[in-house]
Amino acid sequence: MQFLGIHHIAIIATDYARSKRFYTETLGGTILDENYRGDRDSWKLDIALAAGVRVELFSFPDPPARPSRPEAAGLRHLALAVPDVPAALAELRARGVRTEELRTDEHTGKQMAFFFDPDDLPLELYEA
């Protein structure tokens, strides 16, 4: 089996409109496609965050809460590569996004910082 890369990351939002604004307006993602699926009472939004980074944003009626953090089993976080972590962190803070402090990856020496989407999903900025 040959993998060519990751096709997309799927995220389920509790408030579709709020998360749509966050991923498109706050993070600057480009809407590729948006569909309402009446049989599921669900929206599906395809967003390009950067070259090769595609997010599928879903809404479902009454989705269960995310397991406890920080080390619950399952997908832990999505990391986005940026050329300047302090600058990206400052930009997110200026836009009112909740962030953690800048830190350095003890194994690579690269700068990194976590921030959170409207559903408190952990996202990471990582030095490219």
Protein backbone atom coordinates (compact mmCIF):
# COMPACT_ATOMS: atom_id res chain seq x y z
CA MET A 1 0.00 0.00 0.00
CA GLN A 2 1.30 3.43 -0.92
CA PHE A 3 0.04 6.53 0.87
CA LEU A 4 0.40 9.82 -0.98
CA GLY A 5 -0.39 12.03 2.01
CA ILE A 6 -3.28 13.02 4.24
CA HIS A 7 -6.37 13.93 2.22
CA HIS A 8 -8.30 15.79 4.94
CA ILE A 9 -8.95 16.24 8.63
CA ALA A 10 -12.58 16.00 9.77
CA ILE A 11 -13.89 18.15 12.63
CA ILE A 12 -17.39 18.07 14.15
CA ALA A 13 -18.54 21.44 15.46
CA THR A 14 -21.12 22.14 18.13
CA ASP A 15 -21.96 25.52 16.56
CA TYR A 16 -21.50 25.26 12.80
CA ALA A 17 -21.72 29.00 12.02
CA ARG A 18 -19.24 29.92 14.76
CA SER A 19 -16.74 27.26 13.65
CA LYS A 20 -17.19 28.19 9.99
CA ARG A 21 -16.24 31.80 10.85
CA PHE A 22 -13.25 30.61 12.89
CA TYR A 23 -11.76 28.35 10.21
CA THR A 24 -12.46 30.73 7.32
CA GLU A 25 -12.28 34.26 8.72
CA THR A 26 -9.98 33.85 11.75
CA LEU A 27 -7.62 31.26 10.25
CA GLY A 28 -8.06 32.44 6.65
CA GLY A 29 -9.24 29.15 5.15
CA THR A 30 -10.80 29.09 1.70
CA ILE A 31 -14.21 27.49 1.23
CA LEU A 32 -14.01 24.77 -1.40
CA ASP A 33 -17.52 23.34 -1.08
CA GLU A 34 -20.48 23.51 1.31
CA ASN A 35 -23.43 21.14 1.42
CA TYR A 36 -26.44 20.64 3.64
CA ARG A 37 -27.33 16.96 4.06
CA GLY A 38 -31.03 16.95 4.95
CA ASP A 39 -31.19 13.24 5.73
CA ARG A 40 -28.65 13.83 8.53
CA ASP A 41 -29.65 17.40 9.43
CA SER A 42 -25.96 18.10 8.92
CA TRP A 43 -23.70 20.58 7.17
CA LYS A 44 -20.41 19.58 5.51
CA LEU A 45 -17.95 22.33 4.66
CA ASP A 46 -14.69 21.68 2.82
CA ILE A 47 -11.98 24.23 3.64
CA ALA A 48 -8.44 24.64 2.32
CA LEU A 49 -6.28 26.00 5.15
CA ALA A 50 -3.02 25.89 3.22
CA ALA A 51 -1.47 23.98 0.34
CA GLY A 52 -2.31 20.35 1.01
CA VAL A 53 -4.21 21.00 4.28
CA ARG A 54 -7.91 20.33 3.86
CA VAL A 55 -10.44 20.40 6.70
CA GLU A 56 -13.94 18.95 6.52
CA LEU A 57 -16.12 20.78 9.01
CA PHE A 58 -19.32 18.96 9.99
CA SER A 59 -22.37 19.78 12.06
CA PHE A 60 -24.57 17.12 13.62
CA PRO A 61 -27.50 17.55 16.00
CA ASP A 62 -26.30 17.21 19.61
CA PRO A 63 -22.82 15.71 19.08
CA PRO A 64 -21.27 14.21 22.22
CA ALA A 65 -18.62 16.22 24.02
CA ARG A 66 -14.95 15.63 23.31
CA PRO A 67 -13.31 13.27 25.84
CA SER A 68 -11.41 14.87 28.67
CA ARG A 69 -8.14 16.57 27.88
CA PRO A 70 -5.25 16.63 27.49
CA GLU A 71 -4.39 12.97 27.01
CA ALA A 72 -7.66 11.28 26.05
CA ALA A 73 -7.40 8.40 23.60
CA GLY A 74 -7.88 9.32 19.96
CA LEU A 75 -6.65 12.14 17.77
CA ARG A 76 -4.81 14.57 20.01
CA HIS A 77 -4.40 17.69 17.88
CA LEU A 78 -3.82 19.16 14.44
CA ALA A 79 -0.47 20.93 13.93
CA LEU A 80 -0.10 23.67 11.33
CA ALA A 81 3.36 24.59 10.04
CA VAL A 82 4.13 28.33 10.05
CA PRO A 83 7.35 30.19 9.26
CA ASP A 84 7.19 32.41 12.37
CA VAL A 85 5.43 30.97 15.43
CA PRO A 86 5.66 34.12 17.62
CA ALA A 87 4.16 36.27 14.84
CA ALA A 88 1.36 33.76 14.14
CA LEU A 89 0.66 33.49 17.87
CA ALA A 90 0.44 37.28 18.19
CA GLU A 91 -1.94 37.43 15.22
CA LEU A 92 -4.23 34.79 16.76
CA ARG A 93 -4.24 36.61 20.10
CA ALA A 94 -5.09 39.89 18.35
CA ARG A 95 -8.09 38.09 16.83
CA GLY A 96 -9.27 36.98 20.27
CA VAL A 97 -8.24 33.33 19.94
CA ARG A 98 -7.36 31.52 23.17
CA THR A 99 -3.73 30.43 23.10
CA GLU A 100 -1.08 28.89 25.28
CA GLU A 101 2.40 30.26 25.74
CA LEU A 102 5.18 29.93 23.19
CA ARG A 103 7.47 27.01 23.90
CA THR A 104 10.28 25.02 22.31
CA ASP A 105 10.03 21.37 21.31
CA GLU A 106 12.66 19.71 23.48
CA HIS A 107 13.42 17.12 20.79
CA THR A 108 13.70 19.31 17.69
CA GLY A 109 14.48 22.76 19.09
CA LYS A 110 11.60 24.19 17.01
CA GLN A 111 9.17 26.78 18.41
CA MET A 112 5.56 25.75 18.94
CA ALA A 113 2.37 26.90 20.64
CA PHE A 114 -1.14 25.55 21.08
CA PHE A 115 -4.35 27.44 20.38
CA PHE A 116 -7.99 26.39 20.46
CA ASP A 117 -10.96 26.44 18.11
CA PRO A 118 -14.48 27.41 19.27
CA ASP A 119 -15.11 23.87 20.57
CA ASP A 120 -11.81 23.90 22.47
CA LEU A 121 -10.20 21.53 19.97
CA PRO A 122 -6.43 21.84 20.44
CA LEU A 123 -4.57 23.13 17.38
CA GLU A 124 -0.83 23.73 17.21
CA LEU A 125 1.43 26.19 15.47
CA TYR A 126 4.75 24.52 14.65
CA GLU A 127 7.88 26.15 13.24
CA ALA A 128 8.44 25.09 9.62
